[in-house]
Amino acid sequence: MRQQTTRYLATTAVGALVLALTSCGGQQENTAGAGADDTSCDAGEGRVSIATGNSTGVYFVVGGGLAKLISDDTDLKATSAETGASVQNIEQLVAGDYDIAFSLADSAVDAVNGDGSFDGPQDISALGRIYPNYTQIVVRADAGIDSVEDFAGKRISTGSPLSGTEVIARKLIAAAGLEQSEVSAQRLDLIKTVDGMKDGSIDGLVWSGGLPTPALTDLFTSLGEDVKMIDASPLLGTLQDGNPVYEDGTVPAETYDTPEDTPSIVVPNVLLVRSDMPDNLACALTTLVYDKQPELEKVHPAAADITLDNATEIDPIELHPGSERAIGSLTK
């Protein structure tokens, strides 16, 4: 099992290197899609920027792979950047800092409805549904935590501020019947979270990410039986009452070499764009994601779950018209 885990680490390290070579941040002149007929599926010319997530998470790795794929297969220059993930990504997407944003579907639903962290409906649409994120709750074995209800009085990392992880962590705490103030929430990125777990300054963490997440691979490899994964699936029904996007799933034992499979709450991921993206550009990007999916899977195994079969399962998030045209063409 350790050999498989090491292989996963090597795979994600390659993806991280790709991203390091292409990453950038900040708003820049947007000329993407220029020079092409808007009724076509030609990407045109210009630049596109991609908002990903924490540097030790799967968004970061797959986002780097996507940037390379766009740059290699179109006349566009694509870059990707580390961010705090979902909520921040959506805010900066709408502000024009990025052209494409990775997001958890529950955060995206909040955005289109103007709920949660958003003051009003956000003018966004989706290129499509991609791979799922698994809610992974890892605690120190000596912390006395066997369920989310046991978070009371504990030091729990709820993820980076304005991340999708923070959104679901807060919802889990509420679903468990706890007040947010009863938990000593540590709003930390994944690198600092794992460091805290290792030195004992954090009792547990909530993480929403693809499988395997490199930082959690490192945590389980380093601490072994001193950490364990707990099951939050009994709270699934309560979460679904508030948002139907949540699904059940399983983190297989071989993912982190744990003693057994762990039931999990799954949230689909979506690739978001502003609704005013040119149709030809959205069509080209969507075609690339689903037609070249095997290339993304080489960057990280989580991308194996990017399929045309569920690409449009994003309700109530609207599919971009250009993406609708692309998916319709690919499924003929």
C-alpha atoms as a PDB file:
ATOM      1  CA  MET A   1       0.000   0.000   0.000  1.00  0.00           C
ATOM      2  CA  ARG A   2       2.861   2.353   0.820  1.00  0.00           C
ATOM      3  CA  GLN A   3       4.260   1.772  -2.667  1.00  0.00           C
ATOM      4  CA  GLN A   4       0.948   2.845  -4.210  1.00  0.00           C
ATOM      5  CA  THR A   5       0.858   5.912  -1.984  1.00  0.00           C
ATOM      6  CA  THR A   6       4.377   6.847  -3.055  1.00  0.00           C
ATOM      7  CA  ARG A   7       3.356   6.509  -6.696  1.00  0.00           C
ATOM      8  CA  TYR A   8       0.460   8.898  -6.105  1.00  0.00           C
ATOM      9  CA  LEU A   9       2.854  11.393  -4.534  1.00  0.00           C
ATOM     10  CA  ALA A  10       5.144  11.200  -7.533  1.00  0.00           C
ATOM     11  CA  THR A  11       2.232  11.750  -9.898  1.00  0.00           C
ATOM     12  CA  THR A  12       0.993  14.804  -8.056  1.00  0.00           C
ATOM     13  CA  ALA A  13       4.497  16.205  -7.761  1.00  0.00           C
ATOM     14  CA  VAL A  14       4.718  16.246 -11.555  1.00  0.00           C
ATOM     15  CA  GLY A  15       1.453  18.138 -11.722  1.00  0.00           C
ATOM     16  CA  ALA A  16       2.658  20.616  -9.129  1.00  0.00           C
ATOM     17  CA  LEU A  17       5.821  21.214 -11.151  1.00  0.00           C
ATOM     18  CA  VAL A  18       3.721  21.948 -14.233  1.00  0.00           C
ATOM     19  CA  LEU A  19       1.736  24.478 -12.258  1.00  0.00           C
ATOM     20  CA  ALA A  20       4.825  26.114 -10.824  1.00  0.00           C
ATOM     21  CA  LEU A  21       6.005  26.734 -14.359  1.00  0.00           C
ATOM     22  CA  THR A  22       2.725  28.302 -15.498  1.00  0.00           C
ATOM     23  CA  SER A  23       1.213  29.951 -12.435  1.00  0.00           C
ATOM     24  CA  CYS A  24       0.431  33.584 -11.976  1.00  0.00           C
ATOM     25  CA  GLY A  25      -2.132  35.726 -10.237  1.00  0.00           C
ATOM     26  CA  GLY A  26      -3.818  39.059 -10.513  1.00  0.00           C
ATOM     27  CA  GLN A  27      -6.074  40.664 -13.039  1.00  0.00           C
ATOM     28  CA  GLN A  28      -4.847  41.051 -16.585  1.00  0.00           C
ATOM     29  CA  GLU A  29      -6.255  42.235 -19.884  1.00  0.00           C
ATOM     30  CA  ASN A  30      -8.716  39.622 -21.104  1.00  0.00           C
ATOM     31  CA  THR A  31      -8.503  38.964 -24.824  1.00  0.00           C
ATOM     32  CA  ALA A  32      -9.357  35.260 -24.694  1.00  0.00           C
ATOM     33  CA  GLY A  33     -11.481  34.037 -27.559  1.00  0.00           C
ATOM     34  CA  ALA A  34     -10.390  36.843 -29.856  1.00  0.00           C
ATOM     35  CA  GLY A  35     -10.190  36.216 -33.578  1.00  0.00           C
ATOM     36  CA  ALA A  36     -12.763  33.419 -33.720  1.00  0.00           C
ATOM     37  CA  ASP A  37     -16.383  33.244 -34.825  1.00  0.00           C
ATOM     38  CA  ASP A  38     -18.532  33.178 -31.676  1.00  0.00           C
ATOM     39  CA  THR A  39     -20.697  30.446 -33.231  1.00  0.00           C
ATOM     40  CA  SER A  40     -17.657  28.196 -33.707  1.00  0.00           C
ATOM     41  CA  CYS A  41     -15.800  25.956 -31.277  1.00  0.00           C
ATOM     42  CA  ASP A  42     -12.466  27.683 -31.909  1.00  0.00           C
ATOM     43  CA  ALA A  43     -10.697  28.985 -28.801  1.00  0.00           C
ATOM     44  CA  GLY A  44      -9.298  31.974 -30.666  1.00  0.00           C
ATOM     45  CA  GLU A  45      -6.290  33.779 -29.229  1.00  0.00           C
ATOM     46  CA  GLY A  46      -5.446  35.503 -25.962  1.00  0.00           C
ATOM     47  CA  ARG A  47      -4.937  34.509 -22.347  1.00  0.00           C
ATOM     48  CA  VAL A  48      -6.946  32.572 -19.781  1.00  0.00           C
ATOM     49  CA  SER A  49      -6.219  32.296 -16.068  1.00  0.00           C
ATOM     50  CA  ILE A  50      -7.388  29.515 -13.775  1.00  0.00           C
ATOM     51  CA  ALA A  51      -8.119  29.758 -10.032  1.00  0.00           C
ATOM     52  CA  THR A  52      -7.286  26.451  -8.332  1.00  0.00           C
ATOM     53  CA  GLY A  53      -6.774  25.859  -4.585  1.00  0.00           C
ATOM     54  CA  ASN A  54      -4.236  24.995  -1.876  1.00  0.00           C
ATOM     55  CA  SER A  55      -0.832  23.973  -3.206  1.00  0.00           C
ATOM     56  CA  THR A  56      -1.070  20.511  -1.626  1.00  0.00           C
ATOM     57  CA  GLY A  57      -4.595  19.841  -2.894  1.00  0.00           C
ATOM     58  CA  VAL A  58      -5.950  18.231  -6.038  1.00  0.00           C
ATOM     59  CA  TYR A  59      -7.391  21.454  -7.540  1.00  0.00           C
ATOM     60  CA  PHE A  60      -3.843  22.788  -7.688  1.00  0.00           C
ATOM     61  CA  VAL A  61      -2.484  19.755  -9.523  1.00  0.00           C
ATOM     62  CA  VAL A  62      -5.364  19.275 -11.961  1.00  0.00           C
ATOM     63  CA  GLY A  63      -5.515  23.032 -12.563  1.00  0.00           C
ATOM     64  CA  GLY A  64      -1.849  23.015 -13.557  1.00  0.00           C
ATOM     65  CA  GLY A  65      -2.510  20.120 -15.900  1.00  0.00           C
ATOM     66  CA  LEU A  66      -5.472  21.939 -17.425  1.00  0.00           C
ATOM     67  CA  ALA A  67      -3.400  25.089 -17.982  1.00  0.00           C
ATOM     68  CA  LYS A  68      -0.737  23.072 -19.794  1.00  0.00           C
ATOM     69  CA  LEU A  69      -3.365  21.273 -21.864  1.00  0.00           C
ATOM     70  CA  ILE A  70      -4.953  24.555 -22.974  1.00  0.00           C
ATOM     71  CA  SER A  71      -1.587  26.093 -23.844  1.00  0.00           C
ATOM     72  CA  ASP A  72      -0.449  23.000 -25.760  1.00  0.00           C
ATOM     73  CA  ASP A  73      -3.669  22.352 -27.701  1.00  0.00           C
ATOM     74  CA  THR A  74      -4.942  25.859 -28.516  1.00  0.00           C
ATOM     75  CA  ASP A  75      -3.601  29.276 -29.469  1.00  0.00           C
ATOM     76  CA  LEU A  76      -4.332  30.468 -25.936  1.00  0.00           C
ATOM     77  CA  LYS A  77      -1.762  31.058 -23.209  1.00  0.00           C
ATOM     78  CA  ALA A  78      -3.178  29.550 -20.011  1.00  0.00           C
ATOM     79  CA  THR A  79      -1.894  30.095 -16.487  1.00  0.00           C
ATOM     80  CA  SER A  80      -3.052  28.785 -13.137  1.00  0.00           C
ATOM     81  CA  ALA A  81      -2.645  30.020  -9.587  1.00  0.00           C
ATOM     82  CA  GLU A  82      -2.843  28.797  -6.009  1.00  0.00           C
ATOM     83  CA  THR A  83      -5.851  30.239  -4.159  1.00  0.00           C
ATOM     84  CA  GLY A  84      -7.942  29.655  -1.068  1.00  0.00           C
ATOM     85  CA  ALA A  85     -10.366  27.677  -3.281  1.00  0.00           C
ATOM     86  CA  SER A  86     -14.128  27.700  -3.896  1.00  0.00           C
ATOM     87  CA  VAL A  87     -15.658  30.844  -2.354  1.00  0.00           C
ATOM     88  CA  GLN A  88     -12.569  32.975  -2.999  1.00  0.00           C
ATOM     89  CA  ASN A  89     -12.354  31.550  -6.520  1.00  0.00           C
ATOM     90  CA  ILE A  90     -15.925  32.558  -7.297  1.00  0.00           C
ATOM     91  CA  GLU A  91     -15.458  36.041  -5.874  1.00  0.00           C
ATOM     92  CA  GLN A  92     -12.318  36.606  -7.923  1.00  0.00           C
ATOM     93  CA  LEU A  93     -13.849  35.033 -11.017  1.00  0.00           C
ATOM     94  CA  VAL A  94     -16.740  37.499 -10.864  1.00  0.00           C
ATOM     95  CA  ALA A  95     -14.291  40.347 -10.189  1.00  0.00           C
ATOM     96  CA  GLY A  96     -12.394  39.490 -13.380  1.00  0.00           C
ATOM     97  CA  ASP A  97      -9.191  38.282 -11.730  1.00  0.00           C
ATOM     98  CA  TYR A  98      -9.580  34.813 -13.266  1.00  0.00           C
ATOM     99  CA  ASP A  99     -11.379  33.350 -16.268  1.00  0.00           C
ATOM    100  CA  ILE A 100     -11.943  29.793 -15.010  1.00  0.00           C
ATOM    101  CA  ALA A 101     -12.493  28.698 -11.417  1.00  0.00           C
ATOM    102  CA  PHE A 102     -12.544  25.335  -9.713  1.00  0.00           C
ATOM    103  CA  SER A 103     -15.369  25.134  -7.181  1.00  0.00           C
ATOM    104  CA  LEU A 104     -17.318  22.735  -5.058  1.00  0.00           C
ATOM    105  CA  ALA A 105     -20.889  22.475  -6.300  1.00  0.00           C
ATOM    106  CA  ASP A 106     -22.398  23.479  -2.939  1.00  0.00           C
ATOM    107  CA  SER A 107     -20.447  26.749  -2.945  1.00  0.00           C
ATOM    108  CA  ALA A 108     -21.442  27.327  -6.576  1.00  0.00           C
ATOM    109  CA  VAL A 109     -25.117  26.752  -5.724  1.00  0.00           C
ATOM    110  CA  ASP A 110     -24.800  29.292  -2.907  1.00  0.00           C
ATOM    111  CA  ALA A 111     -23.305  31.710  -5.437  1.00  0.00           C
ATOM    112  CA  VAL A 112     -26.067  31.393  -8.036  1.00  0.00           C
ATOM    113  CA  ASN A 113     -28.725  31.673  -5.319  1.00  0.00           C
ATOM    114  CA  GLY A 114     -27.005  34.500  -3.429  1.00  0.00           C
ATOM    115  CA  ASP A 115     -26.851  32.441  -0.237  1.00  0.00           C
ATOM    116  CA  GLY A 116     -24.150  31.679   2.327  1.00  0.00           C
ATOM    117  CA  SER A 117     -21.069  33.821   1.765  1.00  0.00           C
ATOM    118  CA  PHE A 118     -22.631  35.705  -1.162  1.00  0.00           C
ATOM    119  CA  ASP A 119     -24.652  38.914  -0.820  1.00  0.00           C
ATOM    120  CA  GLY A 120     -26.622  38.285  -4.001  1.00  0.00           C
ATOM    121  CA  PRO A 121     -26.807  35.980  -7.069  1.00  0.00           C
ATOM    122  CA  GLN A 122     -23.519  35.799  -8.967  1.00  0.00           C
ATOM    123  CA  ASP A 123     -23.486  35.917 -12.780  1.00  0.00           C
ATOM    124  CA  ILE A 124     -21.664  32.638 -13.358  1.00  0.00           C
ATOM    125  CA  SER A 125     -22.194  29.481 -15.359  1.00  0.00           C
ATOM    126  CA  ALA A 126     -20.371  26.176 -15.682  1.00  0.00           C
ATOM    127  CA  LEU A 127     -18.258  24.464 -18.290  1.00  0.00           C
ATOM    128  CA  GLY A 128     -19.455  21.255 -16.669  1.00  0.00           C
ATOM    129  CA  ARG A 129     -19.203  18.890 -13.729  1.00  0.00           C
ATOM    130  CA  ILE A 130     -15.813  17.272 -13.225  1.00  0.00           C
ATOM    131  CA  TYR A 131     -14.534  14.857 -10.551  1.00  0.00           C
ATOM    132  CA  PRO A 132     -16.003  14.642  -7.014  1.00  0.00           C
ATOM    133  CA  ASN A 133     -14.516  15.900  -3.768  1.00  0.00           C
ATOM    134  CA  TYR A 134     -14.605  13.624  -0.747  1.00  0.00           C
ATOM    135  CA  THR A 135     -15.173  15.013   2.727  1.00  0.00           C
ATOM    136  CA  GLN A 136     -12.159  13.690   4.598  1.00  0.00           C
ATOM    137  CA  ILE A 137     -12.091  14.098   8.369  1.00  0.00           C
ATOM    138  CA  VAL A 138      -8.815  13.103   9.962  1.00  0.00           C
ATOM    139  CA  VAL A 139      -8.166  13.285  13.710  1.00  0.00           C
ATOM    140  CA  ARG A 140      -5.352  12.436  16.073  1.00  0.00           C
ATOM    141  CA  ALA A 141      -6.010   9.008  17.554  1.00  0.00           C
ATOM    142  CA  ASP A 142      -5.502  10.346  21.081  1.00  0.00           C
ATOM    143  CA  ALA A 143      -7.886  13.325  20.671  1.00  0.00           C
ATOM    144  CA  GLY A 144     -11.055  11.507  21.771  1.00  0.00           C
ATOM    145  CA  ILE A 145     -12.898  12.251  18.523  1.00  0.00           C
ATOM    146  CA  ASP A 146     -15.056   9.554  16.948  1.00  0.00           C
ATOM    147  CA  SER A 147     -17.694  11.750  15.297  1.00  0.00           C
ATOM    148  CA  VAL A 148     -18.327  15.360  14.315  1.00  0.00           C
ATOM    149  CA  GLU A 149     -20.326  15.718  17.534  1.00  0.00           C
ATOM    150  CA  ASP A 150     -17.032  15.187  19.377  1.00  0.00           C
ATOM    151  CA  PHE A 151     -15.611  18.375  17.823  1.00  0.00           C
ATOM    152  CA  ALA A 152     -16.937  20.329  20.823  1.00  0.00           C
ATOM    153  CA  GLY A 153     -14.009  21.873  22.681  1.00  0.00           C
ATOM    154  CA  LYS A 154     -11.469  20.561  20.156  1.00  0.00           C
ATOM    155  CA  ARG A 155      -9.024  22.374  17.912  1.00  0.00           C
ATOM    156  CA  ILE A 156     -10.281  21.597  14.410  1.00  0.00           C
ATOM    157  CA  SER A 157      -8.872  22.952  11.164  1.00  0.00           C
ATOM    158  CA  THR A 158     -11.839  23.989   9.030  1.00  0.00           C
ATOM    159  CA  GLY A 159      -9.730  24.940   6.012  1.00  0.00           C
ATOM    160  CA  SER A 160      -8.592  28.160   4.423  1.00  0.00           C
ATOM    161  CA  PRO A 161     -10.859  31.201   4.833  1.00  0.00           C
ATOM    162  CA  LEU A 162     -13.378  31.434   1.971  1.00  0.00           C
ATOM    163  CA  SER A 163     -12.692  27.872   0.851  1.00  0.00           C
ATOM    164  CA  GLY A 164     -15.221  25.191  -0.010  1.00  0.00           C
ATOM    165  CA  THR A 165     -13.742  23.130   2.797  1.00  0.00           C
ATOM    166  CA  GLU A 166     -14.654  25.852   5.277  1.00  0.00           C
ATOM    167  CA  VAL A 167     -18.204  25.948   3.887  1.00  0.00           C
ATOM    168  CA  ILE A 168     -18.772  22.234   4.367  1.00  0.00           C
ATOM    169  CA  ALA A 169     -16.955  22.147   7.723  1.00  0.00           C
ATOM    170  CA  ARG A 170     -19.303  24.786   9.116  1.00  0.00           C
ATOM    171  CA  LYS A 171     -22.300  22.942   7.711  1.00  0.00           C
ATOM    172  CA  LEU A 172     -21.123  19.688   9.298  1.00  0.00           C
ATOM    173  CA  ILE A 173     -20.710  21.380  12.669  1.00  0.00           C
ATOM    174  CA  ALA A 174     -24.241  22.795  12.452  1.00  0.00           C
ATOM    175  CA  ALA A 175     -25.659  19.458  11.250  1.00  0.00           C
ATOM    176  CA  ALA A 176     -24.100  17.778  14.292  1.00  0.00           C
ATOM    177  CA  GLY A 177     -26.129  20.100  16.537  1.00  0.00           C
ATOM    178  CA  LEU A 178     -23.152  22.183  17.643  1.00  0.00           C
ATOM    179  CA  GLU A 179     -22.797  25.951  17.771  1.00  0.00           C
ATOM    180  CA  GLN A 180     -19.846  27.241  15.761  1.00  0.00           C
ATOM    181  CA  SER A 181     -18.506  28.796  18.979  1.00  0.00           C
ATOM    182  CA  GLU A 182     -18.297  25.354  20.617  1.00  0.00           C
ATOM    183  CA  VAL A 183     -15.502  24.365  18.245  1.00  0.00           C
ATOM    184  CA  SER A 184     -12.060  25.938  18.333  1.00  0.00           C
ATOM    185  CA  ALA A 185     -11.939  26.420  14.571  1.00  0.00           C
ATOM    186  CA  GLN A 186      -8.499  26.881  13.042  1.00  0.00           C
ATOM    187  CA  ARG A 187      -8.881  28.570   9.635  1.00  0.00           C
ATOM    188  CA  LEU A 188      -5.699  27.203   8.108  1.00  0.00           C
ATOM    189  CA  ASP A 189      -4.527  26.111   4.687  1.00  0.00           C
ATOM    190  CA  LEU A 190      -3.676  22.470   4.251  1.00  0.00           C
ATOM    191  CA  ILE A 191       0.085  22.817   4.666  1.00  0.00           C
ATOM    192  CA  LYS A 192      -0.259  24.544   8.046  1.00  0.00           C
ATOM    193  CA  THR A 193      -3.027  22.119   8.996  1.00  0.00           C
ATOM    194  CA  VAL A 194      -0.873  19.058   8.399  1.00  0.00           C
ATOM    195  CA  ASP A 195       2.021  20.659  10.278  1.00  0.00           C
ATOM    196  CA  GLY A 196      -0.333  21.289  13.209  1.00  0.00           C
ATOM    197  CA  MET A 197      -1.538  17.694  13.169  1.00  0.00           C
ATOM    198  CA  LYS A 198       2.057  16.495  13.244  1.00  0.00           C
ATOM    199  CA  ASP A 199       3.107  18.702  16.178  1.00  0.00           C
ATOM    200  CA  GLY A 200      -0.109  18.127  18.129  1.00  0.00           C
ATOM    201  CA  SER A 201      -1.364  21.722  18.062  1.00  0.00           C
ATOM    202  CA  ILE A 202      -4.444  20.637  16.071  1.00  0.00           C
ATOM    203  CA  ASP A 203      -6.741  17.784  17.116  1.00  0.00           C
ATOM    204  CA  GLY A 204      -8.386  17.172  13.764  1.00  0.00           C
ATOM    205  CA  LEU A 205      -9.132  18.499  10.325  1.00  0.00           C
ATOM    206  CA  VAL A 206     -11.901  18.673   7.778  1.00  0.00           C
ATOM    207  CA  TRP A 207     -10.818  18.572   4.155  1.00  0.00           C
ATOM    208  CA  SER A 208     -12.852  18.417   0.965  1.00  0.00           C
ATOM    209  CA  GLY A 209     -10.689  17.178  -1.868  1.00  0.00           C
ATOM    210  CA  GLY A 210     -10.063  14.583  -4.533  1.00  0.00           C
ATOM    211  CA  LEU A 211      -8.473  11.207  -3.872  1.00  0.00           C
ATOM    212  CA  PRO A 212      -5.706  11.024  -2.968  1.00  0.00           C
ATOM    213  CA  THR A 213      -4.873  14.474  -1.596  1.00  0.00           C
ATOM    214  CA  PRO A 214      -1.045  14.722  -1.461  1.00  0.00           C
ATOM    215  CA  ALA A 215      -0.908  16.480   1.923  1.00  0.00           C
ATOM    216  CA  LEU A 216      -3.063  13.789   3.533  1.00  0.00           C
ATOM    217  CA  THR A 217      -0.911  11.093   1.961  1.00  0.00           C
ATOM    218  CA  ASP A 218       2.032  12.769   3.697  1.00  0.00           C
ATOM    219  CA  LEU A 219       0.123  12.972   6.991  1.00  0.00           C
ATOM    220  CA  PHE A 220      -0.820   9.288   7.054  1.00  0.00           C
ATOM    221  CA  THR A 221       2.657   8.255   5.895  1.00  0.00           C
ATOM    222  CA  SER A 222       4.272  10.334   8.637  1.00  0.00           C
ATOM    223  CA  LEU A 223       1.963   9.553  11.583  1.00  0.00           C
ATOM    224  CA  GLY A 224       0.564   6.142  10.675  1.00  0.00           C
ATOM    225  CA  GLU A 225      -1.705   4.818  13.440  1.00  0.00           C
ATOM    226  CA  ASP A 226      -1.427   8.078  15.381  1.00  0.00           C
ATOM    227  CA  VAL A 227      -4.141   9.509  13.094  1.00  0.00           C
ATOM    228  CA  LYS A 228      -7.437   8.066  11.894  1.00  0.00           C
ATOM    229  CA  MET A 229     -10.227   8.948   9.505  1.00  0.00           C
ATOM    230  CA  ILE A 230     -13.764   9.261  10.883  1.00  0.00           C
ATOM    231  CA  ASP A 231     -17.159   8.816   9.240  1.00  0.00           C
ATOM    232  CA  ALA A 232     -19.383  11.866   8.758  1.00  0.00           C
ATOM    233  CA  SER A 233     -21.965  10.078   6.577  1.00  0.00           C
ATOM    234  CA  PRO A 234     -24.650   9.969   9.333  1.00  0.00           C
ATOM    235  CA  LEU A 235     -24.986  13.735   8.732  1.00  0.00           C
ATOM    236  CA  LEU A 236     -25.620  13.334   4.996  1.00  0.00           C
ATOM    237  CA  GLY A 237     -29.411  13.537   5.232  1.00  0.00           C
ATOM    238  CA  THR A 238     -29.273  16.778   7.217  1.00  0.00           C
ATOM    239  CA  LEU A 239     -26.911  18.326   4.674  1.00  0.00           C
ATOM    240  CA  GLN A 240     -29.133  17.224   1.789  1.00  0.00           C
ATOM    241  CA  ASP A 241     -32.087  18.971   3.405  1.00  0.00           C
ATOM    242  CA  GLY A 242     -30.231  22.235   2.852  1.00  0.00           C
ATOM    243  CA  ASN A 243     -28.634  21.433  -0.519  1.00  0.00           C
ATOM    244  CA  PRO A 244     -29.327  18.374  -2.706  1.00  0.00           C
ATOM    245  CA  VAL A 245     -25.849  18.308  -4.296  1.00  0.00           C
ATOM    246  CA  TYR A 246     -24.401  16.176  -1.478  1.00  0.00           C
ATOM    247  CA  GLU A 247     -23.974  12.467  -2.189  1.00  0.00           C
ATOM    248  CA  ASP A 248     -22.678   9.411  -0.373  1.00  0.00           C
ATOM    249  CA  GLY A 249     -19.323   7.867  -1.179  1.00  0.00           C
ATOM    250  CA  THR A 250     -16.382   5.947   0.219  1.00  0.00           C
ATOM    251  CA  VAL A 251     -12.707   6.689   0.764  1.00  0.00           C
ATOM    252  CA  PRO A 252     -11.118   3.303  -0.058  1.00  0.00           C
ATOM    253  CA  ALA A 253      -8.656   1.926   2.486  1.00  0.00           C
ATOM    254  CA  GLU A 254      -5.872   1.821  -0.101  1.00  0.00           C
ATOM    255  CA  THR A 255      -6.080   5.593  -0.649  1.00  0.00           C
ATOM    256  CA  TYR A 256      -4.092   6.321   2.519  1.00  0.00           C
ATOM    257  CA  ASP A 257      -3.377   2.767   3.702  1.00  0.00           C
ATOM    258  CA  THR A 258      -6.008   2.937   6.449  1.00  0.00           C
ATOM    259  CA  PRO A 259      -7.319  -0.211   8.174  1.00  0.00           C
ATOM    260  CA  GLU A 260     -10.678  -0.092   6.362  1.00  0.00           C
ATOM    261  CA  ASP A 261     -12.800   1.866   3.912  1.00  0.00           C
ATOM    262  CA  THR A 262     -14.369   5.026   5.360  1.00  0.00           C
ATOM    263  CA  PRO A 263     -17.857   6.210   4.325  1.00  0.00           C
ATOM    264  CA  SER A 264     -17.788   9.805   3.148  1.00  0.00           C
ATOM    265  CA  ILE A 265     -19.936  12.698   2.009  1.00  0.00           C
ATOM    266  CA  VAL A 266     -19.204  13.554  -1.604  1.00  0.00           C
ATOM    267  CA  VAL A 267     -19.580  16.940  -3.287  1.00  0.00           C
ATOM    268  CA  PRO A 268     -19.218  17.261  -7.075  1.00  0.00           C
ATOM    269  CA  ASN A 269     -16.739  19.772  -8.456  1.00  0.00           C
ATOM    270  CA  VAL A 270     -17.554  22.164 -11.272  1.00  0.00           C
ATOM    271  CA  LEU A 271     -15.492  24.362 -13.562  1.00  0.00           C
ATOM    272  CA  LEU A 272     -17.014  27.838 -13.465  1.00  0.00           C
ATOM    273  CA  VAL A 273     -16.749  30.819 -15.807  1.00  0.00           C
ATOM    274  CA  ARG A 274     -18.462  34.176 -16.049  1.00  0.00           C
ATOM    275  CA  SER A 275     -21.661  34.016 -18.044  1.00  0.00           C
ATOM    276  CA  ASP A 276     -20.305  36.549 -20.545  1.00  0.00           C
ATOM    277  CA  MET A 277     -17.450  34.278 -21.704  1.00  0.00           C
ATOM    278  CA  PRO A 278     -17.597  34.076 -25.521  1.00  0.00           C
ATOM    279  CA  ASP A 279     -19.492  30.988 -26.656  1.00  0.00           C
ATOM    280  CA  ASN A 280     -16.654  29.827 -28.922  1.00  0.00           C
ATOM    281  CA  LEU A 281     -14.194  29.923 -26.022  1.00  0.00           C
ATOM    282  CA  ALA A 282     -16.487  28.042 -23.631  1.00  0.00           C
ATOM    283  CA  CYS A 283     -17.129  25.470 -26.361  1.00  0.00           C
ATOM    284  CA  ALA A 284     -13.422  24.964 -27.015  1.00  0.00           C
ATOM    285  CA  LEU A 285     -12.500  24.693 -23.330  1.00  0.00           C
ATOM    286  CA  THR A 286     -15.305  22.244 -22.596  1.00  0.00           C
ATOM    287  CA  THR A 287     -14.362  20.084 -25.573  1.00  0.00           C
ATOM    288  CA  LEU A 288     -10.774  20.028 -24.371  1.00  0.00           C
ATOM    289  CA  VAL A 289     -11.663  18.989 -20.799  1.00  0.00           C
ATOM    290  CA  TYR A 290     -13.829  16.026 -21.801  1.00  0.00           C
ATOM    291  CA  ASP A 291     -12.122  14.988 -25.046  1.00  0.00           C
ATOM    292  CA  LYS A 292      -8.640  15.100 -23.482  1.00  0.00           C
ATOM    293  CA  GLN A 293      -9.672  13.714 -20.086  1.00  0.00           C
ATOM    294  CA  PRO A 294      -7.037  10.927 -20.247  1.00  0.00           C
ATOM    295  CA  GLU A 295      -4.336  13.623 -20.303  1.00  0.00           C
ATOM    296  CA  LEU A 296      -5.698  15.129 -17.079  1.00  0.00           C
ATOM    297  CA  GLU A 297      -5.857  11.670 -15.507  1.00  0.00           C
ATOM    298  CA  LYS A 298      -2.115  11.327 -16.128  1.00  0.00           C
ATOM    299  CA  VAL A 299      -1.633  14.442 -13.980  1.00  0.00           C
ATOM    300  CA  HIS A 300      -3.784  13.141 -11.121  1.00  0.00           C
ATOM    301  CA  PRO A 301      -5.886   9.945 -10.739  1.00  0.00           C
ATOM    302  CA  ALA A 302      -8.909  11.928  -9.427  1.00  0.00           C
ATOM    303  CA  ALA A 303      -9.465  13.103 -13.015  1.00  0.00           C
ATOM    304  CA  ALA A 304     -10.504   9.553 -13.907  1.00  0.00           C
ATOM    305  CA  ASP A 305     -13.960  10.582 -12.694  1.00  0.00           C
ATOM    306  CA  ILE A 306     -14.324  13.361 -15.277  1.00  0.00           C
ATOM    307  CA  THR A 307     -16.918  11.891 -17.635  1.00  0.00           C
ATOM    308  CA  LEU A 308     -19.411  13.085 -20.222  1.00  0.00           C
ATOM    309  CA  ASP A 309     -22.069  10.903 -18.560  1.00  0.00           C
ATOM    310  CA  ASN A 310     -22.476  13.351 -15.661  1.00  0.00           C
ATOM    311  CA  ALA A 311     -21.043  16.542 -17.200  1.00  0.00           C
ATOM    312  CA  THR A 312     -24.439  18.261 -17.215  1.00  0.00           C
ATOM    313  CA  GLU A 313     -25.539  17.150 -13.734  1.00  0.00           C
ATOM    314  CA  ILE A 314     -25.069  20.588 -12.191  1.00  0.00           C
ATOM    315  CA  ASP A 315     -28.607  21.826 -11.459  1.00  0.00           C
ATOM    316  CA  PRO A 316     -29.345  24.583 -10.391  1.00  0.00           C
ATOM    317  CA  ILE A 317     -26.065  25.928 -11.822  1.00  0.00           C
ATOM    318  CA  GLU A 318     -26.549  26.859 -15.467  1.00  0.00           C
ATOM    319  CA  LEU A 319     -24.403  25.285 -18.153  1.00  0.00           C
ATOM    320  CA  HIS A 320     -22.739  27.887 -20.380  1.00  0.00           C
ATOM    321  CA  PRO A 321     -24.356  27.896 -23.881  1.00  0.00           C
ATOM    322  CA  GLY A 322     -20.978  27.214 -25.484  1.00  0.00           C
ATOM    323  CA  SER A 323     -20.441  24.263 -23.165  1.00  0.00           C
ATOM    324  CA  GLU A 324     -23.906  22.953 -23.942  1.00  0.00           C
ATOM    325  CA  ARG A 325     -23.034  22.999 -27.631  1.00  0.00           C
ATOM    326  CA  ALA A 326     -19.725  21.212 -26.966  1.00  0.00           C
ATOM    327  CA  ILE A 327     -21.217  18.466 -24.811  1.00  0.00           C
ATOM    328  CA  GLY A 328     -24.021  17.938 -27.303  1.00  0.00           C
ATOM    329  CA  SER A 329     -21.470  17.483 -30.068  1.00  0.00           C
ATOM    330  CA  LEU A 330     -19.274  15.127 -28.027  1.00  0.00           C
ATOM    331  CA  THR A 331     -22.190  12.876 -27.065  1.00  0.00           C
ATOM    332  CA  LYS A 332     -23.541  12.420 -30.619  1.00  0.00           C
END
